Amino acid sequence: MIFFILITFLFVLATFFNLLFLPKLSHKSNTNELVSVMVPMRNEERNVKGLVESIREITHSPVEFILLDDGSTDRTRELLTECTKGDPRFKIIDGTPLPDGWVGKVHACRELSRHASGSYYLYLDADVRVSPSIIEKVLYQMKRYGSGLVTGFPRFPIPTPLSKMLVPFQHFLVYFHLPLFVSNQTTKRAFTAAHGAFMFFRKEAYDDCGGHEAVKSSLLEDVHISRKVKEKGWKVTLVNNSFDVTCHMYDTDKEVWEGFMKNVYIGTGRSPVSVVLLTLFYSIFYITPLPLALYGLVQGEWSYSLPLLSIWLQTFMIDLASNQSKWHFLLIPFASLAFIVIMWASMLRGLKKQGYTWKGRTYS
């Protein structure tokens, strides 16, 4: 029992130390170089107005906004034209048919790059909202680290039960398992994390790595293109952008399930061994502490609650850093269980070659 308590306490210390190397967006850098802000959009009528209103307030100049309608069947194209009318910084383009072997979003991002004129490329998702000073803040970190790419995991609103379990778990996995000092200070490709909703490239780095064409068939294109950037000798800097960038990833539990289903198993490298090891790890250290604490409460053994208090403290630190709801840390045992369930579901779908469905398209 003492050994178990010690391990969970070490997790707290390791996470605290790791978060010290997560750069905050607290300084600004000015440049007169053009930044191209690009957004692929497919059936995003619910996000058009909010997105346009958000990026229109960006204070950096010069800037161009390129929005691509990727074969939407709703009012996305109509609303884009309506909401951007009269602002010459906006360019609306229509996507071309999806070629064989390409993932829809990756192809849309490649198409966007062909219309960009900037020295820097900022790729956003349609459900992202940013602070007006976001570009100046990211440029500061890019110049400070000499990076070819700056990315980060935004703040995630969590409106549904499943989103409360799984969406903030992205922060937990990265800030706990990824050694941020190694990730940000070296070009070792094995130590890489990225979030596709916010990718800020130096144009030279984007071109050097082959752009999105280099990862055309990837469902985890954000991580894979980040590794391509590192392979070419550029640093990839993971920053804490959660106070300047918000990503409304999912509105329903069905969207949460489909979104994580297509990414989780691929994120393990399609490795059943990794799935088994992660299942054992999270079952032992992040699910077991809850029944153990309840047993200790019944038996009057307060020490049995220490592992639960440790993982709560660890999660609270991550929630605090990622601008998440302050009570969310209480859910970590249930979040771990949900992560295990969807990881296995994703693996079984992959092994059966049933494909993953997203935005009306099915991928293997």
Protein backbone atom coordinates (compact mmCIF):
# COMPACT_ATOMS: atom_id res chain seq x y z
CA MET A 1 0.00 0.00 0.00
CA ILE A 2 2.86 2.38 0.80
CA PHE A 3 4.41 1.62 -2.58
CA PHE A 4 1.10 2.37 -4.32
CA ILE A 5 0.76 5.70 -2.48
CA LEU A 6 4.34 6.61 -3.34
CA ILE A 7 3.81 5.95 -7.06
CA THR A 8 0.71 8.14 -7.28
CA PHE A 9 2.52 10.90 -5.40
CA LEU A 10 5.41 10.66 -7.86
CA PHE A 11 2.87 11.18 -10.67
CA VAL A 12 1.96 14.49 -9.02
CA LEU A 13 5.58 15.61 -8.83
CA ALA A 14 6.32 14.53 -12.41
CA THR A 15 3.31 16.44 -13.74
CA PHE A 16 4.17 19.57 -11.76
CA PHE A 17 7.73 19.48 -13.12
CA ASN A 18 6.54 18.85 -16.68
CA LEU A 19 4.14 21.80 -16.65
CA LEU A 20 7.05 24.12 -15.88
CA PHE A 21 8.18 23.62 -19.48
CA LEU A 22 4.84 24.48 -21.08
CA PRO A 23 5.22 28.01 -22.53
CA LYS A 24 2.39 30.45 -21.85
CA LEU A 25 1.18 32.98 -24.40
CA SER A 26 1.96 36.02 -22.29
CA HIS A 27 4.21 38.12 -24.56
CA LYS A 28 3.71 39.65 -28.00
CA SER A 29 5.94 40.08 -31.03
CA ASN A 30 5.15 42.44 -33.88
CA THR A 31 6.06 41.89 -37.51
CA ASN A 32 4.86 43.39 -40.77
CA GLU A 33 4.93 40.02 -42.50
CA LEU A 34 1.69 38.65 -43.94
CA VAL A 35 -0.03 35.84 -42.01
CA SER A 36 -2.48 33.57 -43.83
CA VAL A 37 -5.26 32.29 -41.57
CA MET A 38 -6.88 29.25 -43.18
CA VAL A 39 -9.96 27.24 -42.20
CA PRO A 40 -11.35 24.11 -43.92
CA MET A 41 -15.13 23.89 -43.52
CA ARG A 42 -17.52 21.04 -44.27
CA ASN A 43 -21.14 21.34 -43.14
CA GLU A 44 -20.25 23.98 -40.56
CA GLU A 45 -23.27 26.30 -40.78
CA ARG A 46 -23.52 26.38 -36.98
CA ASN A 47 -19.94 27.72 -36.74
CA VAL A 48 -19.70 30.19 -39.62
CA LYS A 49 -20.89 33.30 -37.82
CA GLY A 50 -18.92 32.69 -34.63
CA LEU A 51 -15.73 31.85 -36.51
CA VAL A 52 -15.88 34.91 -38.77
CA GLU A 53 -16.68 37.24 -35.87
CA SER A 54 -13.75 35.82 -33.90
CA ILE A 55 -11.01 35.98 -36.54
CA ARG A 56 -12.21 39.35 -37.81
CA GLU A 57 -11.05 40.82 -34.46
CA ILE A 58 -7.47 39.60 -34.93
CA THR A 59 -5.23 42.64 -34.45
CA HIS A 60 -2.18 41.52 -36.44
CA SER A 61 -1.69 43.27 -39.76
CA PRO A 62 -1.25 42.36 -42.53
CA VAL A 63 -3.45 39.27 -42.44
CA GLU A 64 -5.56 37.35 -44.94
CA PHE A 65 -8.39 34.94 -44.13
CA ILE A 66 -8.94 32.04 -46.53
CA LEU A 67 -12.02 29.89 -45.87
CA LEU A 68 -12.67 26.74 -47.89
CA ASP A 69 -16.07 25.16 -48.34
CA ASP A 70 -15.35 21.44 -48.66
CA GLY A 71 -18.44 20.20 -50.48
CA SER A 72 -20.92 21.22 -47.78
CA THR A 73 -24.55 20.16 -48.19
CA ASP A 74 -25.89 22.69 -45.69
CA ARG A 75 -25.82 26.52 -45.74
CA THR A 76 -22.08 26.85 -45.04
CA ARG A 77 -21.20 28.43 -48.40
CA GLU A 78 -24.15 30.83 -48.32
CA LEU A 79 -23.38 31.97 -44.78
CA LEU A 80 -19.68 32.43 -45.56
CA THR A 81 -20.52 34.80 -48.40
CA GLU A 82 -23.01 36.68 -46.25
CA CYS A 83 -20.83 37.02 -43.12
CA THR A 84 -17.62 38.09 -44.90
CA LYS A 85 -19.23 40.57 -47.28
CA GLY A 86 -17.43 43.92 -47.42
CA ASP A 87 -14.18 42.75 -45.75
CA PRO A 88 -11.41 42.47 -48.37
CA ARG A 89 -9.23 40.39 -46.05
CA PHE A 90 -11.54 37.40 -46.60
CA LYS A 91 -11.30 35.01 -49.52
CA ILE A 92 -13.88 32.22 -49.92
CA ILE A 93 -12.91 29.26 -52.08
CA ASP A 94 -14.63 26.04 -53.08
CA GLY A 95 -12.92 22.73 -52.48
CA THR A 96 -12.22 20.31 -55.31
CA PRO A 97 -13.42 16.68 -55.34
CA LEU A 98 -11.59 14.43 -52.90
CA PRO A 99 -8.97 12.31 -54.73
CA ASP A 100 -8.46 8.65 -53.88
CA GLY A 101 -6.06 8.08 -51.01
CA TRP A 102 -6.68 11.45 -49.35
CA VAL A 103 -8.39 12.27 -46.05
CA GLY A 104 -10.94 15.06 -46.50
CA LYS A 105 -9.52 17.60 -44.05
CA VAL A 106 -5.95 17.00 -45.18
CA HIS A 107 -6.88 17.57 -48.81
CA ALA A 108 -8.78 20.75 -47.87
CA CYS A 109 -5.74 22.08 -46.00
CA ARG A 110 -3.51 21.37 -49.01
CA GLU A 111 -5.97 23.26 -51.22
CA LEU A 112 -5.94 26.20 -48.80
CA SER A 113 -2.15 26.42 -48.89
CA ARG A 114 -2.26 26.86 -52.67
CA HIS A 115 -4.19 30.10 -52.22
CA ALA A 116 -2.03 31.47 -49.36
CA SER A 117 0.40 34.33 -49.82
CA GLY A 118 1.67 34.70 -46.25
CA SER A 119 5.06 34.13 -44.66
CA TYR A 120 3.21 32.26 -41.91
CA TYR A 121 0.27 29.85 -42.10
CA LEU A 122 -2.26 29.54 -39.28
CA TYR A 123 -4.61 26.59 -39.71
CA LEU A 124 -7.74 26.66 -37.55
CA ASP A 125 -10.79 24.43 -37.30
CA ALA A 126 -14.21 25.95 -37.85
CA ASP A 127 -15.17 25.41 -34.20
CA VAL A 128 -12.24 27.49 -32.90
CA ARG A 129 -12.48 30.97 -31.40
CA VAL A 130 -9.33 33.02 -30.76
CA SER A 131 -8.28 36.11 -28.84
CA PRO A 132 -7.56 39.25 -30.92
CA SER A 133 -3.84 39.15 -30.04
CA ILE A 134 -3.32 35.45 -30.79
CA ILE A 135 -0.98 35.94 -33.77
CA GLU A 136 1.36 38.37 -31.98
CA LYS A 137 1.55 36.02 -29.00
CA VAL A 138 2.32 32.94 -31.08
CA LEU A 139 4.91 34.81 -33.16
CA TYR A 140 6.76 35.65 -29.94
CA GLN A 141 7.04 31.97 -29.00
CA MET A 142 7.97 30.98 -32.54
CA LYS A 143 10.85 33.47 -32.60
CA ARG A 144 11.89 32.65 -29.04
CA TYR A 145 12.28 28.92 -29.80
CA GLY A 146 13.23 29.23 -33.47
CA SER A 147 10.30 26.97 -34.30
CA GLY A 148 8.93 25.88 -37.62
CA LEU A 149 5.58 25.07 -36.07
CA VAL A 150 3.74 26.22 -32.95
CA THR A 151 0.71 24.26 -31.82
CA GLY A 152 -1.30 23.76 -28.65
CA PHE A 153 -4.32 22.16 -27.06
CA PRO A 154 -7.09 24.77 -26.67
CA ARG A 155 -9.63 25.15 -23.92
CA PHE A 156 -12.47 22.70 -24.49
CA PRO A 157 -16.05 23.45 -23.41
CA ILE A 158 -17.64 20.18 -22.27
CA PRO A 159 -21.43 20.34 -22.75
CA THR A 160 -22.33 16.62 -22.76
CA PRO A 161 -21.66 13.72 -20.33
CA LEU A 162 -19.24 11.92 -22.67
CA SER A 163 -17.41 15.13 -23.53
CA LYS A 164 -16.84 15.74 -19.81
CA MET A 165 -15.11 12.36 -19.65
CA LEU A 166 -13.05 12.34 -22.81
CA VAL A 167 -12.41 15.81 -24.23
CA PRO A 168 -10.25 17.23 -21.36
CA PHE A 169 -8.49 13.86 -21.21
CA GLN A 170 -6.44 15.08 -24.18
CA HIS A 171 -4.71 17.59 -21.91
CA PHE A 172 -4.12 14.91 -19.30
CA LEU A 173 -2.50 12.48 -21.72
CA VAL A 174 -0.16 15.10 -23.19
CA TYR A 175 0.84 16.98 -20.05
CA PHE A 176 1.42 13.77 -18.10
CA HIS A 177 3.05 11.46 -20.65
CA LEU A 178 4.91 13.83 -22.99
CA PRO A 179 8.23 15.17 -21.64
CA LEU A 180 7.69 18.78 -22.66
CA PHE A 181 11.31 19.85 -22.24
CA VAL A 182 12.43 17.22 -24.76
CA SER A 183 9.47 17.87 -27.03
CA ASN A 184 10.00 21.64 -27.23
CA GLN A 185 13.80 21.81 -27.10
CA THR A 186 14.74 19.05 -29.52
CA THR A 187 13.70 17.72 -32.92
CA LYS A 188 13.24 14.14 -31.71
CA ARG A 189 10.16 12.99 -33.63
CA ALA A 190 9.13 10.41 -31.01
CA PHE A 191 8.39 13.23 -28.56
CA THR A 192 5.69 15.05 -30.50
CA ALA A 193 2.14 16.16 -29.82
CA ALA A 194 -0.07 18.54 -31.77
CA HIS A 195 -3.68 19.63 -32.06
CA GLY A 196 -5.06 20.06 -35.56
CA ALA A 197 -7.44 22.81 -34.48
CA PHE A 198 -4.47 25.18 -34.05
CA MET A 199 -1.36 24.82 -36.22
CA PHE A 200 0.86 27.87 -36.83
CA PHE A 201 3.56 27.18 -39.45
CA ARG A 202 6.50 29.13 -40.70
CA LYS A 203 6.01 28.86 -44.47
CA GLU A 204 9.56 27.58 -45.02
CA ALA A 205 8.99 24.75 -42.54
CA TYR A 206 5.65 23.88 -44.12
CA ASP A 207 7.23 23.68 -47.56
CA ASP A 208 10.30 21.78 -46.30
CA CYS A 209 8.21 19.00 -44.77
CA GLY A 210 6.10 18.56 -47.89
CA GLY A 211 3.01 20.22 -46.46
CA HIS A 212 -0.22 18.32 -46.05
CA GLU A 213 0.51 16.26 -49.14
CA ALA A 214 3.17 14.44 -47.09
CA VAL A 215 0.44 13.11 -44.76
CA LYS A 216 -2.42 12.87 -47.27
CA SER A 217 -3.83 9.56 -45.98
CA SER A 218 -3.44 10.24 -42.25
CA LEU A 219 -6.36 10.45 -39.83
CA LEU A 220 -3.89 11.82 -37.28
CA GLU A 221 -2.45 14.41 -39.63
CA ASP A 222 -1.61 16.96 -36.93
CA VAL A 223 0.88 14.66 -35.18
CA HIS A 224 2.21 13.18 -38.40
CA ILE A 225 2.88 16.52 -40.10
CA SER A 226 4.53 17.74 -36.88
CA ARG A 227 6.90 14.79 -37.07
CA LYS A 228 7.64 15.63 -40.70
CA VAL A 229 8.54 19.17 -39.61
CA LYS A 230 10.97 17.78 -37.01
CA GLU A 231 12.49 15.38 -39.52
CA LYS A 232 13.53 18.41 -41.55
CA GLY A 233 15.35 19.90 -38.56
CA TRP A 234 12.70 22.38 -37.41
CA LYS A 235 11.50 22.59 -33.82
CA VAL A 236 7.83 22.08 -32.98
CA THR A 237 6.76 24.10 -29.95
CA LEU A 238 3.79 23.00 -27.88
CA VAL A 239 2.38 26.02 -26.03
CA ASN A 240 -0.40 26.60 -23.53
CA ASN A 241 -2.92 28.39 -25.72
CA SER A 242 -5.98 27.52 -23.62
CA PHE A 243 -6.45 31.11 -22.41
CA ASP A 244 -6.44 32.47 -25.98
CA VAL A 245 -7.99 29.65 -28.02
CA THR A 246 -11.26 27.82 -27.42
CA CYS A 247 -12.32 24.78 -29.42
CA HIS A 248 -15.96 23.67 -29.31
CA MET A 249 -15.06 20.22 -30.58
CA TYR A 250 -18.37 18.41 -30.15
CA ASP A 251 -21.98 19.31 -29.42
CA THR A 252 -23.34 15.79 -28.95
CA ASP A 253 -22.18 12.54 -27.40
CA LYS A 254 -22.43 10.90 -30.82
CA GLU A 255 -19.90 13.39 -32.20
CA VAL A 256 -17.60 12.76 -29.22
CA TRP A 257 -17.78 9.01 -29.78
CA GLU A 258 -17.12 9.21 -33.54
CA GLY A 259 -14.36 11.78 -33.13
CA PHE A 260 -12.41 9.80 -30.57
CA MET A 261 -13.18 6.50 -32.26
CA LYS A 262 -11.28 7.56 -35.40
CA ASN A 263 -8.22 8.85 -33.50
CA VAL A 264 -7.58 6.83 -30.35
CA TYR A 265 -6.35 3.53 -31.80
CA ILE A 266 -4.33 5.34 -34.48
CA GLY A 267 -2.81 7.41 -31.66
CA THR A 268 -1.42 4.22 -30.13
CA GLY A 269 0.33 3.43 -33.40
CA ARG A 270 -2.36 0.81 -34.10
CA SER A 271 -0.69 -1.33 -31.46
CA PRO A 272 -2.80 -3.85 -29.51
CA VAL A 273 0.08 -4.20 -27.06
CA SER A 274 -0.09 -0.47 -26.30
CA VAL A 275 -3.84 -0.73 -25.78
CA VAL A 276 -3.38 -3.55 -23.28
CA LEU A 277 -0.60 -1.75 -21.41
CA LEU A 278 -2.56 1.51 -21.24
CA THR A 279 -5.60 -0.40 -20.02
CA LEU A 280 -3.60 -1.96 -17.20
CA PHE A 281 -1.94 1.32 -16.30
CA TYR A 282 -5.11 3.39 -16.08
CA SER A 283 -7.10 0.59 -14.43
CA ILE A 284 -4.54 0.21 -11.66
CA PHE A 285 -3.57 3.81 -11.01
CA TYR A 286 -6.63 5.85 -12.04
CA ILE A 287 -9.67 3.61 -11.51
CA THR A 288 -8.64 1.48 -8.52
CA PRO A 289 -8.04 4.49 -6.18
CA LEU A 290 -11.78 5.27 -6.08
CA PRO A 291 -13.01 1.88 -4.73
CA LEU A 292 -9.91 1.76 -2.55
CA ALA A 293 -10.85 5.11 -0.96
CA LEU A 294 -14.44 3.96 -0.45
CA TYR A 295 -13.18 0.79 1.24
CA GLY A 296 -10.92 2.86 3.49
CA LEU A 297 -13.85 5.11 4.38
CA VAL A 298 -15.90 2.11 5.48
CA GLN A 299 -13.01 0.56 7.39
CA GLY A 300 -11.82 3.80 8.95
CA GLU A 301 -8.42 3.57 7.23
CA TRP A 302 -7.80 7.13 6.00
CA SER A 303 -4.51 6.18 4.30
CA TYR A 304 -6.49 4.25 1.68
CA SER A 305 -7.75 7.58 0.32
CA LEU A 306 -4.26 8.96 -0.39
CA PRO A 307 -3.94 7.49 -3.93
CA LEU A 308 -7.29 9.07 -4.88
CA LEU A 309 -6.22 12.42 -3.42
CA SER A 310 -2.97 12.21 -5.39
CA ILE A 311 -4.60 11.61 -8.76
CA TRP A 312 -7.17 14.29 -7.99
CA LEU A 313 -4.35 16.74 -7.26
CA GLN A 314 -2.53 15.73 -10.42
CA THR A 315 -5.64 16.23 -12.53
CA PHE A 316 -6.46 19.51 -10.81
CA MET A 317 -3.04 20.91 -11.76
CA ILE A 318 -3.63 19.96 -15.39
CA ASP A 319 -7.17 21.38 -15.36
CA LEU A 320 -5.83 24.60 -13.87
CA ALA A 321 -3.13 24.89 -16.53
CA SER A 322 -5.58 24.12 -19.36
CA ASN A 323 -8.27 26.56 -18.19
CA GLN A 324 -10.71 23.71 -17.61
CA SER A 325 -13.68 23.58 -15.23
CA LYS A 326 -12.34 23.61 -11.68
CA TRP A 327 -14.44 20.63 -10.58
CA HIS A 328 -13.50 18.39 -13.49
CA PHE A 329 -10.65 16.72 -11.58
CA LEU A 330 -13.21 14.75 -9.57
CA LEU A 331 -14.11 12.77 -12.71
CA ILE A 332 -10.67 11.32 -13.44
CA PRO A 333 -11.56 7.71 -12.44
CA PHE A 334 -14.63 7.80 -14.69
CA ALA A 335 -12.71 9.57 -17.47
CA SER A 336 -10.09 6.82 -17.34
CA LEU A 337 -12.78 4.17 -17.66
CA ALA A 338 -14.34 5.98 -20.63
CA PHE A 339 -10.90 6.27 -22.26
CA ILE A 340 -10.34 2.52 -21.89
CA VAL A 341 -13.75 1.67 -23.33
CA ILE A 342 -13.39 3.84 -26.43
CA MET A 343 -9.78 2.74 -26.93
CA TRP A 344 -10.90 -0.89 -27.11
CA ALA A 345 -13.86 -0.03 -29.33
CA SER A 346 -11.55 1.88 -31.67
CA MET A 347 -9.05 -0.98 -31.75
CA LEU A 348 -11.71 -3.62 -32.49
CA ARG A 349 -13.13 -1.50 -35.31
CA GLY A 350 -9.64 -1.10 -36.73
CA LEU A 351 -8.78 -4.81 -36.46
CA LYS A 352 -12.06 -5.72 -38.16
CA LYS A 353 -11.29 -3.18 -40.90
CA GLN A 354 -14.75 -1.63 -40.50
CA GLY A 355 -13.45 1.91 -41.08
CA TYR A 356 -14.04 5.14 -39.18
CA THR A 357 -16.82 7.57 -40.05
CA TRP A 358 -16.46 11.35 -39.81
CA LYS A 359 -18.42 14.16 -41.49
CA GLY A 360 -20.17 11.78 -43.83
CA ARG A 361 -16.98 10.09 -45.04
CA THR A 362 -15.58 6.69 -44.10
CA TYR A 363 -11.85 6.06 -43.70
CA SER A 364 -9.87 2.89 -43.10
